[in-house]
């Protein structure tokens, strides 16, 4: 058994070690996330660039679908003759 003073000191030391380890784990997690986003595919494009291209293609397809329908939402004015 430890006396009160030694037990408190030991507990605070363990708490400090745990905090340092938590900070290290957080930094490793951030580093892994950054490395994952920097990874490139066969074409040499990063993950973010691939996402931008994919979303741009999806928007273009949607615009083409709307364009194929024809007509417009604007009301035409009747001419008074």
PDB file of N, CA and C in Angstrom:
ATOM      1  N   UNK A   1       0.832  -1.181   0.000  1.00  0.00           N
ATOM      2  CA  UNK A   1       0.000   0.000   0.000  1.00  0.00           C
ATOM      3  C   UNK A   1       0.870   1.234   0.000  1.00  0.00           C
ATOM      4  N   UNK A   2       0.364   2.243  -0.666  1.00  0.00           N
ATOM      5  CA  UNK A   2       1.061   3.518  -0.703  1.00  0.00           C
ATOM      6  C   UNK A   2       0.378   4.482   0.255  1.00  0.00           C
ATOM      7  N   UNK A   3       1.169   5.371   0.773  1.00  0.00           N
ATOM      8  CA  UNK A   3       0.547   6.398   1.597  1.00  0.00           C
ATOM      9  C   UNK A   3      -0.194   7.382   0.676  1.00  0.00           C
ATOM     10  N   UNK A   4      -0.925   8.301   1.270  1.00  0.00           N
ATOM     11  CA  UNK A   4      -1.779   9.212   0.508  1.00  0.00           C
ATOM     12  C   UNK A   4      -0.969  10.071  -0.460  1.00  0.00           C
ATOM     13  N   UNK A   5       0.152  10.561   0.014  1.00  0.00           N
ATOM     14  CA  UNK A   5       0.968  11.439  -0.810  1.00  0.00           C
ATOM     15  C   UNK A   5       1.509  10.693  -2.037  1.00  0.00           C
ATOM     16  N   UNK A   6       2.011   9.503  -1.833  1.00  0.00           N
ATOM     17  CA  UNK A   6       2.564   8.713  -2.932  1.00  0.00           C
ATOM     18  C   UNK A   6       1.463   8.283  -3.906  1.00  0.00           C
ATOM     19  N   UNK A   7       0.297   7.941  -3.378  1.00  0.00           N
ATOM     20  CA  UNK A   7      -0.821   7.523  -4.224  1.00  0.00           C
ATOM     21  C   UNK A   7      -1.282   8.688  -5.103  1.00  0.00           C
ATOM     22  N   UNK A   8      -1.365   9.870  -4.522  1.00  0.00           N
ATOM     23  CA  UNK A   8      -1.788  11.040  -5.285  1.00  0.00           C
ATOM     24  C   UNK A   8      -0.752  11.356  -6.373  1.00  0.00           C
ATOM     25  N   UNK A   9       0.518  11.320  -6.015  1.00  0.00           N
ATOM     26  CA  UNK A   9       1.577  11.587  -6.980  1.00  0.00           C
ATOM     27  C   UNK A   9       1.537  10.572  -8.121  1.00  0.00           C
ATOM     28  N   UNK A  10       1.379   9.311  -7.781  1.00  0.00           N
ATOM     29  CA  UNK A  10       1.314   8.252  -8.790  1.00  0.00           C
ATOM     30  C   UNK A  10       0.106   8.468  -9.713  1.00  0.00           C
ATOM     31  N   UNK A  11      -1.025   8.820  -9.133  1.00  0.00           N
ATOM     32  CA  UNK A  11      -2.230   9.072  -9.923  1.00  0.00           C
ATOM     33  C   UNK A  11      -2.058  10.242 -10.878  1.00  0.00           C
ATOM     34  N   UNK A  12      -1.437  11.326 -10.409  1.00  0.00           N
ATOM     35  CA  UNK A  12      -1.212  12.494 -11.263  1.00  0.00           C
ATOM     36  C   UNK A  12      -0.214  12.170 -12.380  1.00  0.00           C
ATOM     37  N   UNK A  13       0.788  11.351 -12.069  1.00  0.00           N
ATOM     38  CA  UNK A  13       1.740  10.939 -13.104  1.00  0.00           C
ATOM     39  C   UNK A  13       1.040  10.126 -14.191  1.00  0.00           C
ATOM     40  N   UNK A  14       0.194   9.210 -13.773  1.00  0.00           N
ATOM     41  CA  UNK A  14      -0.540   8.390 -14.747  1.00  0.00           C
ATOM     42  C   UNK A  14      -1.478   9.251 -15.593  1.00  0.00           C
ATOM     43  N   UNK A  15      -2.093  10.246 -14.951  1.00  0.00           N
ATOM     44  CA  UNK A  15      -2.991  11.152 -15.660  1.00  0.00           C
ATOM     45  C   UNK A  15      -2.220  11.934 -16.732  1.00  0.00           C
ATOM     46  N   UNK A  16      -1.030  12.421 -16.368  1.00  0.00           N
ATOM     47  CA  UNK A  16      -0.201  13.168 -17.315  1.00  0.00           C
ATOM     48  C   UNK A  16       0.243  12.298 -18.481  1.00  0.00           C
ATOM     49  N   UNK A  17       0.615  11.062 -18.201  1.00  0.00           N
ATOM     50  CA  UNK A  17       1.030  10.140 -19.252  1.00  0.00           C
ATOM     51  C   UNK A  17      -0.133   9.861 -20.193  1.00  0.00           C
ATOM     52  N   UNK A  18      -1.317   9.697 -19.643  1.00  0.00           N
ATOM     53  CA  UNK A  18      -2.502   9.433 -20.466  1.00  0.00           C
ATOM     54  C   UNK A  18      -2.826  10.636 -21.349  1.00  0.00           C
ATOM     55  N   UNK A  19      -2.683  11.845 -20.810  1.00  0.00           N
ATOM     56  CA  UNK A  19      -2.944  13.048 -21.614  1.00  0.00           C
ATOM     57  C   UNK A  19      -1.960  13.159 -22.770  1.00  0.00           C
ATOM     58  N   UNK A  20      -0.688  12.895 -22.503  1.00  0.00           N
ATOM     59  CA  UNK A  20       0.320  12.959 -23.551  1.00  0.00           C
ATOM     60  C   UNK A  20       0.029  11.922 -24.636  1.00  0.00           C
ATOM     61  N   UNK A  21      -0.361  10.737 -24.236  1.00  0.00           N
ATOM     62  CA  UNK A  21      -0.660   9.682 -25.194  1.00  0.00           C
ATOM     63  C   UNK A  21      -1.880  10.040 -26.038  1.00  0.00           C
ATOM     64  N   UNK A  22      -2.873  10.678 -25.421  1.00  0.00           N
ATOM     65  CA  UNK A  22      -4.069  11.111 -26.152  1.00  0.00           C
ATOM     66  C   UNK A  22      -3.699  12.161 -27.202  1.00  0.00           C
ATOM     67  N   UNK A  23      -2.801  13.068 -26.844  1.00  0.00           N
ATOM     68  CA  UNK A  23      -2.357  14.092 -27.799  1.00  0.00           C
ATOM     69  C   UNK A  23      -1.600  13.456 -28.960  1.00  0.00           C
ATOM     70  N   UNK A  24      -0.766  12.483 -28.660  1.00  0.00           N
ATOM     71  CA  UNK A  24      -0.016  11.778 -29.698  1.00  0.00           C
ATOM     72  C   UNK A  24      -0.966  11.043 -30.633  1.00  0.00           C
ATOM     73  N   UNK A  25      -1.966  10.378 -30.062  1.00  0.00           N
ATOM     74  CA  UNK A  25      -2.944   9.656 -30.871  1.00  0.00           C
ATOM     75  C   UNK A  25      -3.713  10.607 -31.784  1.00  0.00           C
ATOM     76  N   UNK A  26      -4.080  11.768 -31.272  1.00  0.00           N
ATOM     77  CA  UNK A  26      -4.797  12.753 -32.074  1.00  0.00           C
ATOM     78  C   UNK A  26      -3.943  13.226 -33.247  1.00  0.00           C
ATOM     79  N   UNK A  27      -2.661  13.499 -32.999  1.00  0.00           N
ATOM     80  CA  UNK A  27      -1.771  13.946 -34.068  1.00  0.00           C
ATOM     81  C   UNK A  27      -1.568  12.855 -35.119  1.00  0.00           C
ATOM     82  N   UNK A  28      -1.459  11.609 -34.677  1.00  0.00           N
ATOM     83  CA  UNK A  28      -1.315  10.500 -35.625  1.00  0.00           C
ATOM     84  C   UNK A  28      -2.564  10.356 -36.484  1.00  0.00           C
ATOM     85  N   UNK A  29      -3.720  10.548 -35.870  1.00  0.00           N
ATOM     86  CA  UNK A  29      -4.985  10.463 -36.608  1.00  0.00           C
ATOM     87  C   UNK A  29      -5.068  11.563 -37.668  1.00  0.00           C
ATOM     88  N   UNK A  30      -4.659  12.788 -37.292  1.00  0.00           N
ATOM     89  CA  UNK A  30      -4.666  13.900 -38.238  1.00  0.00           C
ATOM     90  C   UNK A  30      -3.689  13.644 -39.383  1.00  0.00           C
ATOM     91  N   UNK A  31      -2.508  13.121 -39.059  1.00  0.00           N
ATOM     92  CA  UNK A  31      -1.510  12.836 -40.083  1.00  0.00           C
ATOM     93  C   UNK A  31      -2.027  11.795 -41.072  1.00  0.00           C
ATOM     94  N   UNK A  32      -2.691  10.766 -40.545  1.00  0.00           N
ATOM     95  CA  UNK A  32      -3.245   9.725 -41.409  1.00  0.00           C
ATOM     96  C   UNK A  32      -4.315  10.302 -42.327  1.00  0.00           C
ATOM     97  N   UNK A  33      -5.152  11.180 -41.796  1.00  0.00           N
ATOM     98  CA  UNK A  33      -6.200  11.808 -42.591  1.00  0.00           C
ATOM     99  C   UNK A  33      -5.597  12.649 -43.715  1.00  0.00           C
ATOM    100  N   UNK A  34      -4.555  13.414 -43.412  1.00  0.00           N
ATOM    101  CA  UNK A  34      -3.900  14.236 -44.423  1.00  0.00           C
ATOM    102  C   UNK A  34      -3.246  13.357 -45.485  1.00  0.00           C
ATOM    103  N   UNK A  35      -2.576  12.290 -45.059  1.00  0.00           N
ATOM    104  CA  UNK A  35      -1.935  11.391 -46.019  1.00  0.00           C
ATOM    105  C   UNK A  35      -2.964  10.721 -46.922  1.00  0.00           C
ATOM    106  N   UNK A  36      -4.120  10.386 -46.380  1.00  0.00           N
ATOM    107  CA  UNK A  36      -5.167   9.754 -47.181  1.00  0.00           C
ATOM    108  C   UNK A  36      -5.700  10.705 -48.244  1.00  0.00           C
ATOM    109  N   UNK A  37      -5.818  11.990 -47.907  1.00  0.00           N
ATOM    110  CA  UNK A  37      -6.334  12.943 -48.884  1.00  0.00           C
ATOM    111  C   UNK A  37      -5.280  13.310 -49.924  1.00  0.00           C
ATOM    112  N   UNK A  38      -4.009  13.151 -49.599  1.00  0.00           N
ATOM    113  CA  UNK A  38      -2.948  13.467 -50.551  1.00  0.00           C
ATOM    114  C   UNK A  38      -2.650  12.301 -51.491  1.00  0.00           C
ATOM    115  N   UNK A  39      -3.158  11.123 -51.157  1.00  0.00           N
ATOM    116  CA  UNK A  39      -2.894   9.955 -51.979  1.00  0.00           C
ATOM    117  C   UNK A  39      -3.473  10.179 -53.372  1.00  0.00           C
ATOM    118  N   UNK A  40      -2.761   9.742 -54.386  1.00  0.00           N
ATOM    119  CA  UNK A  40      -3.193   9.984 -55.753  1.00  0.00           C
ATOM    120  C   UNK A  40      -3.527   8.662 -56.442  1.00  0.00           C
ATOM    121  N   UNK A  41      -4.392   8.750 -57.440  1.00  0.00           N
ATOM    122  CA  UNK A  41      -4.770   7.559 -58.177  1.00  0.00           C
ATOM    123  C   UNK A  41      -3.821   7.361 -59.358  1.00  0.00           C
ATOM    124  N   UNK A  42      -4.181   6.473 -60.260  1.00  0.00           N
ATOM    125  CA  UNK A  42      -3.331   6.147 -61.404  1.00  0.00           C
ATOM    126  C   UNK A  42      -3.116   7.364 -62.302  1.00  0.00           C
ATOM    127  N   UNK A  43      -4.131   8.222 -62.431  1.00  0.00           N
ATOM    128  CA  UNK A  43      -4.033   9.399 -63.285  1.00  0.00           C
ATOM    129  C   UNK A  43      -3.255  10.531 -62.629  1.00  0.00           C
ATOM    130  N   UNK A  44      -2.901  10.386 -61.358  1.00  0.00           N
ATOM    131  CA  UNK A  44      -2.160  11.430 -60.656  1.00  0.00           C
ATOM    132  C   UNK A  44      -3.049  12.474 -60.021  1.00  0.00           C
ATOM    133  N   UNK A  45      -4.329  12.143 -59.821  1.00  0.00           N
ATOM    134  CA  UNK A  45      -5.264  13.099 -59.220  1.00  0.00           C
ATOM    135  C   UNK A  45      -5.468  12.746 -57.746  1.00  0.00           C
ATOM    136  N   UNK A  46      -5.533  13.779 -56.932  1.00  0.00           N
ATOM    137  CA  UNK A  46      -5.763  13.563 -55.509  1.00  0.00           C
ATOM    138  C   UNK A  46      -7.233  13.214 -55.280  1.00  0.00           C
ATOM    139  N   UNK A  47      -7.550  12.802 -54.078  1.00  0.00           N
ATOM    140  CA  UNK A  47      -8.913  12.422 -53.729  1.00  0.00           C
ATOM    141  C   UNK A  47      -9.853  13.612 -53.884  1.00  0.00           C
ATOM    142  N   UNK A  48      -9.420  14.784 -53.444  1.00  0.00           N
ATOM    143  CA  UNK A  48     -10.266  15.974 -53.549  1.00  0.00           C
ATOM    144  C   UNK A  48     -10.509  16.359 -55.005  1.00  0.00           C
ATOM    145  N   UNK A  49      -9.487  16.250 -55.843  1.00  0.00           N
ATOM    146  CA  UNK A  49      -9.642  16.566 -57.262  1.00  0.00           C
ATOM    147  C   UNK A  49     -10.613  15.593 -57.919  1.00  0.00           C
ATOM    148  N   UNK A  50     -10.536  14.322 -57.564  1.00  0.00           N
ATOM    149  CA  UNK A  50     -11.463  13.324 -58.100  1.00  0.00           C
ATOM    150  C   UNK A  50     -12.894  13.672 -57.715  1.00  0.00           C
ATOM    151  N   UNK A  51     -13.089  14.133 -56.481  1.00  0.00           N
ATOM    152  CA  UNK A  51     -14.424  14.496 -56.006  1.00  0.00           C
ATOM    153  C   UNK A  51     -14.965  15.682 -56.788  1.00  0.00           C
ATOM    154  N   UNK A  52     -14.117  16.691 -57.027  1.00  0.00           N
ATOM    155  CA  UNK A  52     -14.541  17.878 -57.775  1.00  0.00           C
ATOM    156  C   UNK A  52     -14.972  17.482 -59.183  1.00  0.00           C
ATOM    157  N   UNK A  53     -14.195  16.653 -59.825  1.00  0.00           N
ATOM    158  CA  UNK A  53     -14.509  16.224 -61.187  1.00  0.00           C
ATOM    159  C   UNK A  53     -15.812  15.430 -61.206  1.00  0.00           C
ATOM    160  N   UNK A  54     -15.991  14.537 -60.240  1.00  0.00           N
ATOM    161  CA  UNK A  54     -17.209  13.727 -60.177  1.00  0.00           C
ATOM    162  C   UNK A  54     -18.438  14.602 -59.994  1.00  0.00           C
ATOM    163  N   UNK A  55     -18.379  15.566 -59.079  1.00  0.00           N
ATOM    164  CA  UNK A  55     -19.520  16.440 -58.840  1.00  0.00           C
ATOM    165  C   UNK A  55     -19.806  17.328 -60.047  1.00  0.00           C
ATOM    166  N   UNK A  56     -18.757  17.774 -60.724  1.00  0.00           N
ATOM    167  CA  UNK A  56     -18.931  18.599 -61.913  1.00  0.00           C
ATOM    168  C   UNK A  56     -19.635  17.805 -63.015  1.00  0.00           C
ATOM    169  N   UNK A  57     -19.236  16.556 -63.188  1.00  0.00           N
ATOM    170  CA  UNK A  57     -19.881  15.701 -64.183  1.00  0.00           C
ATOM    171  C   UNK A  57     -21.346  15.462 -63.848  1.00  0.00           C
ATOM    172  N   UNK A  58     -21.635  15.235 -62.565  1.00  0.00           N
ATOM    173  CA  UNK A  58     -23.027  15.019 -62.149  1.00  0.00           C
ATOM    174  C   UNK A  58     -23.877  16.256 -62.422  1.00  0.00           C
ATOM    175  N   UNK A  59     -23.340  17.450 -62.137  1.00  0.00           N
ATOM    176  CA  UNK A  59     -24.085  18.685 -62.400  1.00  0.00           C
ATOM    177  C   UNK A  59     -24.318  18.876 -63.888  1.00  0.00           C
ATOM    178  N   UNK A  60     -23.310  18.589 -64.702  1.00  0.00           N
ATOM    179  CA  UNK A  60     -23.464  18.726 -66.149  1.00  0.00           C
ATOM    180  C   UNK A  60     -24.532  17.779 -66.687  1.00  0.00           C
ATOM    181  N   UNK A  61     -24.556  16.547 -66.191  1.00  0.00           N
ATOM    182  CA  UNK A  61     -25.575  15.593 -66.627  1.00  0.00           C
ATOM    183  C   UNK A  61     -26.970  16.087 -66.247  1.00  0.00           C
ATOM    184  N   UNK A  62     -27.093  16.630 -65.055  1.00  0.00           N
ATOM    185  CA  UNK A  62     -28.385  17.141 -64.595  1.00  0.00           C
ATOM    186  C   UNK A  62     -28.831  18.318 -65.460  1.00  0.00           C
ATOM    187  N   UNK A  63     -27.902  19.208 -65.788  1.00  0.00           N
ATOM    188  CA  UNK A  63     -28.230  20.356 -66.649  1.00  0.00           C
ATOM    189  C   UNK A  63     -28.676  19.876 -68.026  1.00  0.00           C
ATOM    190  N   UNK A  64     -28.029  18.857 -68.551  1.00  0.00           N
ATOM    191  CA  UNK A  64     -28.413  18.328 -69.857  1.00  0.00           C
ATOM    192  C   UNK A  64     -29.806  17.716 -69.804  1.00  0.00           C
ATOM    193  N   UNK A  65     -30.125  17.040 -68.708  1.00  0.00           N
ATOM    194  CA  UNK A  65     -31.459  16.448 -68.575  1.00  0.00           C
ATOM    195  C   UNK A  65     -32.522  17.536 -68.563  1.00  0.00           C
ATOM    196  N   UNK A  66     -32.276  18.622 -67.850  1.00  0.00           N
ATOM    197  CA  UNK A  66     -33.229  19.723 -67.826  1.00  0.00           C
ATOM    198  C   UNK A  66     -33.325  20.383 -69.198  1.00  0.00           C
ATOM    199  N   UNK A  67     -32.207  20.466 -69.893  1.00  0.00           N
ATOM    200  CA  UNK A  67     -32.202  21.083 -71.209  1.00  0.00           C
ATOM    201  C   UNK A  67     -32.940  20.247 -72.246  1.00  0.00           C
ATOM    202  N   UNK A  68     -32.919  18.938 -72.101  1.00  0.00           N
ATOM    203  CA  UNK A  68     -33.580  18.051 -73.051  1.00  0.00           C
ATOM    204  C   UNK A  68     -35.100  18.138 -72.965  1.00  0.00           C
ATOM    205  N   UNK A  69     -35.626  18.560 -71.820  1.00  0.00           N
ATOM    206  CA  UNK A  69     -37.064  18.630 -71.624  1.00  0.00           C
ATOM    207  C   UNK A  69     -37.666  19.704 -72.518  1.00  0.00           C
ATOM    208  N   UNK A  70     -36.984  20.797 -72.679  1.00  0.00           N
ATOM    209  CA  UNK A  70     -37.465  21.892 -73.500  1.00  0.00           C
ATOM    210  C   UNK A  70     -38.422  22.760 -72.728  1.00  0.00           C
ATOM    211  N   UNK A  71     -38.811  23.863 -73.329  1.00  0.00           N
ATOM    212  CA  UNK A  71     -39.721  24.779 -72.648  1.00  0.00           C
ATOM    213  C   UNK A  71     -39.005  25.539 -71.564  1.00  0.00           C
ATOM    214  N   UNK A  72     -39.718  26.463 -70.990  1.00  0.00           N
ATOM    215  CA  UNK A  72     -39.124  27.234 -69.921  1.00  0.00           C
ATOM    216  C   UNK A  72     -40.183  27.546 -68.889  1.00  0.00           C
ATOM    217  N   UNK A  73     -39.747  27.968 -67.747  1.00  0.00           N
ATOM    218  CA  UNK A  73     -40.680  28.275 -66.674  1.00  0.00           C
ATOM    219  C   UNK A  73     -41.228  29.678 -66.798  1.00  0.00           C
ATOM    220  N   UNK A  74     -40.645  30.460 -67.695  1.00  0.00           N
ATOM    221  CA  UNK A  74     -41.110  31.849 -67.859  1.00  0.00           C
ATOM    222  C   UNK A  74     -42.421  31.863 -68.625  1.00  0.00           C
ATOM    223  N   UNK A  75     -43.305  32.734 -68.219  1.00  0.00           N
ATOM    224  CA  UNK A  75     -44.564  32.898 -68.925  1.00  0.00           C
ATOM    225  C   UNK A  75     -44.351  33.850 -70.096  1.00  0.00           C
ATOM    226  N   UNK A  76     -44.927  33.501 -71.208  1.00  0.00           N
ATOM    227  CA  UNK A  76     -44.794  34.358 -72.368  1.00  0.00           C
ATOM    228  C   UNK A  76     -45.894  35.406 -72.335  1.00  0.00           C
ATOM    229  N   UNK A  77     -45.525  36.597 -72.715  1.00  0.00           N
ATOM    230  CA  UNK A  77     -46.502  37.685 -72.744  1.00  0.00           C
ATOM    231  C   UNK A  77     -47.333  37.578 -74.005  1.00  0.00           C
ATOM    232  N   UNK A  78     -48.619  37.802 -73.865  1.00  0.00           N
ATOM    233  CA  UNK A  78     -49.490  37.819 -75.038  1.00  0.00           C
ATOM    234  C   UNK A  78     -49.375  39.180 -75.701  1.00  0.00           C
ATOM    235  N   UNK A  79     -49.240  39.139 -76.969  1.00  0.00           N
ATOM    236  CA  UNK A  79     -49.140  40.422 -77.677  1.00  0.00           C
ATOM    237  C   UNK A  79     -50.554  40.938 -77.966  1.00  0.00           C
ATOM    238  N   UNK A  80     -50.724  42.208 -77.776  1.00  0.00           N
ATOM    239  CA  UNK A  80     -52.031  42.838 -78.036  1.00  0.00           C
ATOM    240  C   UNK A  80     -51.971  43.525 -79.387  1.00  0.00           C
ATOM    241  N   UNK A  81     -52.722  43.059 -80.307  1.00  0.00           N
ATOM    242  CA  UNK A  81     -52.750  43.661 -81.653  1.00  0.00           C
ATOM    243  C   UNK A  81     -54.019  44.357 -81.925  1.00  0.00           C
TER     244      UNK A  81
END
